[in-house]
Amino acid sequence: ALPDGTSGFRAYRAGQPAGEQLVAIWNGAGDLEG
């Protein structure tokens, strides 16, 4: 989480086969920005 209220997470699959990563971002109002 950033000081301006932006927050999010990164997720990825470890192991074989591994997967691509995903980062999800929410703004301070709780809207999923991208």
PDB file of all heavy atoms in Angstrom:
ATOM      1  N   ALA A   1       0.853  -1.187   0.000  1.00  0.00           N
ATOM      2  CA  ALA A   1       0.000   0.000   0.000  1.00  0.00           C
ATOM      3  C   ALA A   1       0.886   1.233   0.000  1.00  0.00           C
ATOM      4  O   ALA A   1       1.900   1.295   0.710  1.00  0.00           O
ATOM      5  CB  ALA A   1      -0.922   0.009   1.222  1.00  0.00           C
ATOM      6  N   LEU A   2       0.493   2.228  -0.804  1.00  0.00           N
ATOM      7  CA  LEU A   2       1.240   3.466  -0.946  1.00  0.00           C
ATOM      8  C   LEU A   2       0.621   4.554  -0.064  1.00  0.00           C
ATOM      9  O   LEU A   2      -0.536   4.454   0.341  1.00  0.00           O
ATOM     10  CB  LEU A   2       1.231   3.914  -2.408  1.00  0.00           C
ATOM     11  CG  LEU A   2       1.628   2.873  -3.452  1.00  0.00           C
ATOM     12  CD1 LEU A   2       1.605   3.494  -4.850  1.00  0.00           C
ATOM     13  CD2 LEU A   2       2.995   2.291  -3.139  1.00  0.00           C
ATOM     14  N   PRO A   3       1.365   5.605   0.230  1.00  0.00           N
ATOM     15  CA  PRO A   3       0.836   6.660   1.109  1.00  0.00           C
ATOM     16  C   PRO A   3      -0.420   7.336   0.576  1.00  0.00           C
ATOM     17  O   PRO A   3      -1.221   7.841   1.367  1.00  0.00           O
ATOM     18  CB  PRO A   3       2.000   7.658   1.187  1.00  0.00           C
ATOM     19  CG  PRO A   3       3.213   6.880   0.865  1.00  0.00           C
ATOM     20  CD  PRO A   3       2.788   5.833  -0.100  1.00  0.00           C
ATOM     21  N   ASP A   4      -0.636   7.351  -0.755  1.00  0.00           N
ATOM     22  CA  ASP A   4      -1.806   8.030  -1.306  1.00  0.00           C
ATOM     23  C   ASP A   4      -3.067   7.170  -1.281  1.00  0.00           C
ATOM     24  O   ASP A   4      -4.111   7.565  -1.795  1.00  0.00           O
ATOM     25  CB  ASP A   4      -1.534   8.499  -2.743  1.00  0.00           C
ATOM     26  CG  ASP A   4      -1.345   7.341  -3.726  1.00  0.00           C
ATOM     27  OD1 ASP A   4      -1.415   6.168  -3.305  1.00  0.00           O
ATOM     28  OD2 ASP A   4      -1.122   7.617  -4.920  1.00  0.00           O
ATOM     29  N   GLY A   5      -2.980   5.974  -0.686  1.00  0.00           N
ATOM     30  CA  GLY A   5      -4.139   5.100  -0.590  1.00  0.00           C
ATOM     31  C   GLY A   5      -4.192   4.022  -1.649  1.00  0.00           C
ATOM     32  O   GLY A   5      -5.017   3.103  -1.557  1.00  0.00           O
ATOM     33  N   THR A   6      -3.352   4.124  -2.668  1.00  0.00           N
ATOM     34  CA  THR A   6      -3.277   3.070  -3.678  1.00  0.00           C
ATOM     35  C   THR A   6      -2.787   1.785  -3.027  1.00  0.00           C
ATOM     36  O   THR A   6      -1.869   1.793  -2.209  1.00  0.00           O
ATOM     37  CB  THR A   6      -2.309   3.468  -4.803  1.00  0.00           C
ATOM     38  OG1 THR A   6      -2.761   4.679  -5.403  1.00  0.00           O
ATOM     39  CG2 THR A   6      -2.211   2.376  -5.856  1.00  0.00           C
ATOM     40  N   SER A   7      -3.398   0.662  -3.400  1.00  0.00           N
ATOM     41  CA  SER A   7      -2.973  -0.618  -2.851  1.00  0.00           C
ATOM     42  C   SER A   7      -3.162  -1.695  -3.912  1.00  0.00           C
ATOM     43  O   SER A   7      -3.781  -1.461  -4.958  1.00  0.00           O
ATOM     44  CB  SER A   7      -3.768  -0.979  -1.588  1.00  0.00           C
ATOM     45  OG  SER A   7      -5.145  -1.140  -1.904  1.00  0.00           O
ATOM     46  N   GLY A   8      -2.614  -2.863  -3.640  1.00  0.00           N
ATOM     47  CA  GLY A   8      -2.765  -3.954  -4.589  1.00  0.00           C
ATOM     48  C   GLY A   8      -1.944  -5.146  -4.200  1.00  0.00           C
ATOM     49  O   GLY A   8      -1.357  -5.205  -3.117  1.00  0.00           O
ATOM     50  N   PHE A   9      -1.935  -6.111  -5.100  1.00  0.00           N
ATOM     51  CA  PHE A   9      -1.153  -7.313  -4.847  1.00  0.00           C
ATOM     52  C   PHE A   9      -0.613  -7.853  -6.165  1.00  0.00           C
ATOM     53  O   PHE A   9      -1.128  -7.553  -7.254  1.00  0.00           O
ATOM     54  CB  PHE A   9      -1.988  -8.393  -4.136  1.00  0.00           C
ATOM     55  CG  PHE A   9      -3.071  -9.002  -4.992  1.00  0.00           C
ATOM     56  CD1 PHE A   9      -2.799 -10.083  -5.838  1.00  0.00           C
ATOM     57  CD2 PHE A   9      -4.364  -8.503  -4.957  1.00  0.00           C
ATOM     58  CE1 PHE A   9      -3.795 -10.644  -6.631  1.00  0.00           C
ATOM     59  CE2 PHE A   9      -5.363  -9.059  -5.746  1.00  0.00           C
ATOM     60  CZ  PHE A   9      -5.074 -10.132  -6.591  1.00  0.00           C
ATOM     61  N   ARG A  10       0.420  -8.666  -6.027  1.00  0.00           N
ATOM     62  CA  ARG A  10       0.977  -9.419  -7.155  1.00  0.00           C
ATOM     63  C   ARG A  10       0.810 -10.892  -6.833  1.00  0.00           C
ATOM     64  O   ARG A  10       1.031 -11.320  -5.693  1.00  0.00           O
ATOM     65  CB  ARG A  10       2.455  -9.099  -7.334  1.00  0.00           C
ATOM     66  CG  ARG A  10       3.150  -9.928  -8.406  1.00  0.00           C
ATOM     67  CD  ARG A  10       4.614  -9.520  -8.562  1.00  0.00           C
ATOM     68  NE  ARG A  10       5.382  -9.715  -7.364  1.00  0.00           N
ATOM     69  CZ  ARG A  10       6.586 -10.313  -7.310  1.00  0.00           C
ATOM     70  NH1 ARG A  10       7.142 -10.773  -8.405  1.00  0.00           N
ATOM     71  NH2 ARG A  10       7.224 -10.414  -6.170  1.00  0.00           N
ATOM     72  N   ALA A  11       0.423 -11.681  -7.809  1.00  0.00           N
ATOM     73  CA  ALA A  11       0.277 -13.120  -7.618  1.00  0.00           C
ATOM     74  C   ALA A  11       0.959 -13.846  -8.764  1.00  0.00           C
ATOM     75  O   ALA A  11       0.899 -13.404  -9.913  1.00  0.00           O
ATOM     76  CB  ALA A  11      -1.196 -13.509  -7.548  1.00  0.00           C
ATOM     77  N   TYR A  12       1.614 -14.947  -8.416  1.00  0.00           N
ATOM     78  CA  TYR A  12       2.201 -15.789  -9.453  1.00  0.00           C
ATOM     79  C   TYR A  12       2.259 -17.227  -8.962  1.00  0.00           C
ATOM     80  O   TYR A  12       2.230 -17.489  -7.749  1.00  0.00           O
ATOM     81  CB  TYR A  12       3.584 -15.299  -9.887  1.00  0.00           C
ATOM     82  CG  TYR A  12       4.631 -15.226  -8.792  1.00  0.00           C
ATOM     83  CD1 TYR A  12       5.519 -16.276  -8.565  1.00  0.00           C
ATOM     84  CD2 TYR A  12       4.752 -14.084  -8.004  1.00  0.00           C
ATOM     85  CE1 TYR A  12       6.485 -16.193  -7.578  1.00  0.00           C
ATOM     86  CE2 TYR A  12       5.716 -13.990  -7.011  1.00  0.00           C
ATOM     87  CZ  TYR A  12       6.584 -15.047  -6.810  1.00  0.00           C
ATOM     88  OH  TYR A  12       7.536 -14.958  -5.823  1.00  0.00           O
ATOM     89  N   ARG A  13       2.333 -18.132  -9.906  1.00  0.00           N
ATOM     90  CA  ARG A  13       2.359 -19.543  -9.593  1.00  0.00           C
ATOM     91  C   ARG A  13       3.789 -20.041  -9.616  1.00  0.00           C
ATOM     92  O   ARG A  13       4.492 -19.897 -10.616  1.00  0.00           O
ATOM     93  CB  ARG A  13       1.508 -20.314 -10.606  1.00  0.00           C
ATOM     94  CG  ARG A  13       1.236 -21.753 -10.204  1.00  0.00           C
ATOM     95  CD  ARG A  13       0.303 -22.421 -11.189  1.00  0.00           C
ATOM     96  NE  ARG A  13       0.992 -22.828 -12.396  1.00  0.00           N
ATOM     97  CZ  ARG A  13       0.430 -23.558 -13.365  1.00  0.00           C
ATOM     98  NH1 ARG A  13      -0.835 -23.919 -13.252  1.00  0.00           N
ATOM     99  NH2 ARG A  13       1.097 -23.905 -14.436  1.00  0.00           N
ATOM    100  N   ALA A  14       4.222 -20.618  -8.510  1.00  0.00           N
ATOM    101  CA  ALA A  14       5.549 -21.211  -8.426  1.00  0.00           C
ATOM    102  C   ALA A  14       5.434 -22.720  -8.606  1.00  0.00           C
ATOM    103  O   ALA A  14       4.407 -23.319  -8.292  1.00  0.00           O
ATOM    104  CB  ALA A  14       6.199 -20.897  -7.077  1.00  0.00           C
ATOM    105  N   GLY A  15       6.471 -23.327  -9.092  1.00  0.00           N
ATOM    106  CA  GLY A  15       6.451 -24.764  -9.333  1.00  0.00           C
ATOM    107  C   GLY A  15       6.601 -25.039 -10.812  1.00  0.00           C
ATOM    108  O   GLY A  15       6.995 -24.168 -11.588  1.00  0.00           O
ATOM    109  N   GLN A  16       6.300 -26.235 -11.218  1.00  0.00           N
ATOM    110  CA  GLN A  16       6.439 -26.641 -12.619  1.00  0.00           C
ATOM    111  C   GLN A  16       5.112 -27.132 -13.173  1.00  0.00           C
ATOM    112  O   GLN A  16       4.531 -28.075 -12.618  1.00  0.00           O
ATOM    113  CB  GLN A  16       7.511 -27.732 -12.736  1.00  0.00           C
ATOM    114  CG  GLN A  16       8.902 -27.283 -12.356  1.00  0.00           C
ATOM    115  CD  GLN A  16       9.431 -26.181 -13.251  1.00  0.00           C
ATOM    116  OE1 GLN A  16       9.101 -26.141 -14.444  1.00  0.00           O
ATOM    117  NE2 GLN A  16      10.221 -25.293 -12.699  1.00  0.00           N
ATOM    118  N   PRO A  17       4.600 -26.534 -14.241  1.00  0.00           N
ATOM    119  CA  PRO A  17       5.177 -25.340 -14.880  1.00  0.00           C
ATOM    120  C   PRO A  17       4.780 -24.071 -14.139  1.00  0.00           C
ATOM    121  O   PRO A  17       3.683 -23.992 -13.581  1.00  0.00           O
ATOM    122  CB  PRO A  17       4.555 -25.363 -16.279  1.00  0.00           C
ATOM    123  CG  PRO A  17       3.213 -25.999 -16.058  1.00  0.00           C
ATOM    124  CD  PRO A  17       3.419 -27.034 -14.970  1.00  0.00           C
ATOM    125  N   ALA A  18       5.682 -23.109 -14.115  1.00  0.00           N
ATOM    126  CA  ALA A  18       5.381 -21.827 -13.490  1.00  0.00           C
ATOM    127  C   ALA A  18       4.459 -21.032 -14.405  1.00  0.00           C
ATOM    128  O   ALA A  18       4.309 -21.343 -15.588  1.00  0.00           O
ATOM    129  CB  ALA A  18       6.664 -21.053 -13.233  1.00  0.00           C
ATOM    130  N   GLY A  19       3.833 -20.019 -13.843  1.00  0.00           N
ATOM    131  CA  GLY A  19       2.908 -19.224 -14.642  1.00  0.00           C
ATOM    132  C   GLY A  19       3.310 -17.768 -14.697  1.00  0.00           C
ATOM    133  O   GLY A  19       4.225 -17.330 -13.996  1.00  0.00           O
ATOM    134  N   GLU A  20       2.609 -17.010 -15.543  1.00  0.00           N
ATOM    135  CA  GLU A  20       2.848 -15.581 -15.622  1.00  0.00           C
ATOM    136  C   GLU A  20       2.336 -14.892 -14.358  1.00  0.00           C
ATOM    137  O   GLU A  20       1.569 -15.458 -13.588  1.00  0.00           O
ATOM    138  CB  GLU A  20       2.144 -15.004 -16.857  1.00  0.00           C
ATOM    139  CG  GLU A  20       2.733 -15.452 -18.171  1.00  0.00           C
ATOM    140  CD  GLU A  20       2.047 -14.799 -19.347  1.00  0.00           C
ATOM    141  OE1 GLU A  20       0.806 -14.603 -19.279  1.00  0.00           O
ATOM    142  OE2 GLU A  20       2.727 -14.487 -20.325  1.00  0.00           O
ATOM    143  N   GLN A  21       2.757 -13.644 -14.192  1.00  0.00           N
ATOM    144  CA  GLN A  21       2.382 -12.894 -13.004  1.00  0.00           C
ATOM    145  C   GLN A  21       1.219 -11.961 -13.293  1.00  0.00           C
ATOM    146  O   GLN A  21       0.970 -11.582 -14.432  1.00  0.00           O
ATOM    147  CB  GLN A  21       3.591 -12.091 -12.501  1.00  0.00           C
ATOM    148  CG  GLN A  21       4.780 -12.957 -12.148  1.00  0.00           C
ATOM    149  CD  GLN A  21       5.899 -12.182 -11.489  1.00  0.00           C
ATOM    150  OE1 GLN A  21       5.753 -11.016 -11.153  1.00  0.00           O
ATOM    151  NE2 GLN A  21       7.022 -12.850 -11.291  1.00  0.00           N
ATOM    152  N   LEU A  22       0.517 -11.607 -12.236  1.00  0.00           N
ATOM    153  CA  LEU A  22      -0.596 -10.675 -12.318  1.00  0.00           C
ATOM    154  C   LEU A  22      -0.467  -9.666 -11.184  1.00  0.00           C
ATOM    155  O   LEU A  22      -0.228 -10.036 -10.037  1.00  0.00           O
ATOM    156  CB  LEU A  22      -1.928 -11.414 -12.166  1.00  0.00           C
ATOM    157  CG  LEU A  22      -3.181 -10.527 -11.991  1.00  0.00           C
ATOM    158  CD1 LEU A  22      -3.502  -9.808 -13.296  1.00  0.00           C
ATOM    159  CD2 LEU A  22      -4.367 -11.363 -11.533  1.00  0.00           C
ATOM    160  N   VAL A  23      -0.600  -8.376 -11.514  1.00  0.00           N
ATOM    161  CA  VAL A  23      -0.635  -7.316 -10.499  1.00  0.00           C
ATOM    162  C   VAL A  23      -1.969  -6.596 -10.632  1.00  0.00           C
ATOM    163  O   VAL A  23      -2.348  -6.165 -11.724  1.00  0.00           O
ATOM    164  CB  VAL A  23       0.526  -6.321 -10.664  1.00  0.00           C
ATOM    165  CG1 VAL A  23       0.473  -5.263  -9.564  1.00  0.00           C
ATOM    166  CG2 VAL A  23       1.873  -7.042 -10.624  1.00  0.00           C
ATOM    167  N   ALA A  24      -2.686  -6.476  -9.521  1.00  0.00           N
ATOM    168  CA  ALA A  24      -3.978  -5.797  -9.490  1.00  0.00           C
ATOM    169  C   ALA A  24      -3.858  -4.548  -8.623  1.00  0.00           C
ATOM    170  O   ALA A  24      -3.258  -4.594  -7.546  1.00  0.00           O
ATOM    171  CB  ALA A  24      -5.055  -6.723  -8.928  1.00  0.00           C
ATOM    172  N   ILE A  25      -4.438  -3.444  -9.083  1.00  0.00           N
ATOM    173  CA  ILE A  25      -4.298  -2.146  -8.418  1.00  0.00           C
ATOM    174  C   ILE A  25      -5.669  -1.560  -8.097  1.00  0.00           C
ATOM    175  O   ILE A  25      -6.544  -1.479  -8.972  1.00  0.00           O
ATOM    176  CB  ILE A  25      -3.520  -1.150  -9.312  1.00  0.00           C
ATOM    177  CG1 ILE A  25      -2.130  -1.690  -9.642  1.00  0.00           C
ATOM    178  CG2 ILE A  25      -3.418   0.221  -8.644  1.00  0.00           C
ATOM    179  CD1 ILE A  25      -1.228  -1.873  -8.440  1.00  0.00           C
ATOM    180  N   TRP A  26      -5.851  -1.146  -6.843  1.00  0.00           N
ATOM    181  CA  TRP A  26      -7.042  -0.423  -6.392  1.00  0.00           C
ATOM    182  C   TRP A  26      -6.658   0.992  -5.972  1.00  0.00           C
ATOM    183  O   TRP A  26      -5.580   1.203  -5.399  1.00  0.00           O
ATOM    184  CB  TRP A  26      -7.670  -1.122  -5.188  1.00  0.00           C
ATOM    185  CG  TRP A  26      -8.429  -2.364  -5.494  1.00  0.00           C
ATOM    186  CD1 TRP A  26      -9.772  -2.494  -5.674  1.00  0.00           C
ATOM    187  CD2 TRP A  26      -7.893  -3.689  -5.649  1.00  0.00           C
ATOM    188  NE1 TRP A  26     -10.111  -3.801  -5.931  1.00  0.00           N
ATOM    189  CE2 TRP A  26      -8.976  -4.562  -5.920  1.00  0.00           C
ATOM    190  CE3 TRP A  26      -6.602  -4.230  -5.593  1.00  0.00           C
ATOM    191  CZ2 TRP A  26      -8.812  -5.922  -6.126  1.00  0.00           C
ATOM    192  CZ3 TRP A  26      -6.431  -5.587  -5.802  1.00  0.00           C
ATOM    193  CH2 TRP A  26      -7.521  -6.417  -6.068  1.00  0.00           C
ATOM    194  N   ASN A  27      -7.527   1.949  -6.227  1.00  0.00           N
ATOM    195  CA  ASN A  27      -7.264   3.304  -5.741  1.00  0.00           C
ATOM    196  C   ASN A  27      -7.786   3.454  -4.314  1.00  0.00           C
ATOM    197  O   ASN A  27      -8.361   2.516  -3.743  1.00  0.00           O
ATOM    198  CB  ASN A  27      -7.852   4.365  -6.680  1.00  0.00           C
ATOM    199  CG  ASN A  27      -9.377   4.291  -6.773  1.00  0.00           C
ATOM    200  OD1 ASN A  27     -10.056   3.796  -5.876  1.00  0.00           O
ATOM    201  ND2 ASN A  27      -9.918   4.808  -7.878  1.00  0.00           N
ATOM    202  N   GLY A  28      -7.589   4.650  -3.754  1.00  0.00           N
ATOM    203  CA  GLY A  28      -7.965   4.866  -2.362  1.00  0.00           C
ATOM    204  C   GLY A  28      -9.453   4.755  -2.104  1.00  0.00           C
ATOM    205  O   GLY A  28      -9.871   4.510  -0.964  1.00  0.00           O
ATOM    206  N   ALA A  29     -10.270   4.913  -3.154  1.00  0.00           N
ATOM    207  CA  ALA A  29     -11.718   4.798  -3.006  1.00  0.00           C
ATOM    208  C   ALA A  29     -12.201   3.362  -3.121  1.00  0.00           C
ATOM    209  O   ALA A  29     -13.397   3.093  -2.981  1.00  0.00           O
ATOM    210  CB  ALA A  29     -12.407   5.658  -4.071  1.00  0.00           C
ATOM    211  N   GLY A  30     -11.274   2.439  -3.380  1.00  0.00           N
ATOM    212  CA  GLY A  30     -11.652   1.041  -3.501  1.00  0.00           C
ATOM    213  C   GLY A  30     -12.014   0.599  -4.903  1.00  0.00           C
ATOM    214  O   GLY A  30     -12.489  -0.527  -5.093  1.00  0.00           O
ATOM    215  N   ASP A  31     -11.767   1.464  -5.893  1.00  0.00           N
ATOM    216  CA  ASP A  31     -12.054   1.108  -7.282  1.00  0.00           C
ATOM    217  C   ASP A  31     -10.877   0.312  -7.861  1.00  0.00           C
ATOM    218  O   ASP A  31      -9.716   0.691  -7.678  1.00  0.00           O
ATOM    219  CB  ASP A  31     -12.257   2.361  -8.141  1.00  0.00           C
ATOM    220  CG  ASP A  31     -13.388   3.240  -7.631  1.00  0.00           C
ATOM    221  OD1 ASP A  31     -14.432   2.682  -7.249  1.00  0.00           O
ATOM    222  OD2 ASP A  31     -13.211   4.475  -7.603  1.00  0.00           O
ATOM    223  N   LEU A  32     -11.188  -0.757  -8.562  1.00  0.00           N
ATOM    224  CA  LEU A  32     -10.151  -1.540  -9.232  1.00  0.00           C
ATOM    225  C   LEU A  32      -9.728  -0.780 -10.483  1.00  0.00           C
ATOM    226  O   LEU A  32     -10.471  -0.684 -11.458  1.00  0.00           O
ATOM    227  CB  LEU A  32     -10.692  -2.924  -9.595  1.00  0.00           C
ATOM    228  CG  LEU A  32      -9.718  -3.885 -10.277  1.00  0.00           C
ATOM    229  CD1 LEU A  32      -8.509  -4.170  -9.402  1.00  0.00           C
ATOM    230  CD2 LEU A  32     -10.429  -5.188 -10.636  1.00  0.00           C
ATOM    231  N   GLU A  33      -8.524  -0.212 -10.452  1.00  0.00           N
ATOM    232  CA  GLU A  33      -8.070   0.646 -11.540  1.00  0.00           C
ATOM    233  C   GLU A  33      -7.540  -0.141 -12.725  1.00  0.00           C
ATOM    234  O   GLU A  33      -7.665   0.282 -13.866  1.00  0.00           O
ATOM    235  CB  GLU A  33      -6.998   1.608 -11.044  1.00  0.00           C
ATOM    236  CG  GLU A  33      -7.514   2.675 -10.107  1.00  0.00           C
ATOM    237  CD  GLU A  33      -6.565   3.842 -10.003  1.00  0.00           C
ATOM    238  OE1 GLU A  33      -5.342   3.634 -10.118  1.00  0.00           O
ATOM    239  OE2 GLU A  33      -7.055   4.972  -9.810  1.00  0.00           O
ATOM    240  N   GLY A  34      -6.902  -1.264 -12.455  1.00  0.00           N
ATOM    241  CA  GLY A  34      -6.363  -1.994 -13.586  1.00  0.00           C
ATOM    242  C   GLY A  34      -5.538  -3.198 -13.198  1.00  0.00           C
ATOM    243  O   GLY A  34      -5.270  -3.444 -12.012  1.00  0.00           O
TER     244      GLY A  34
END
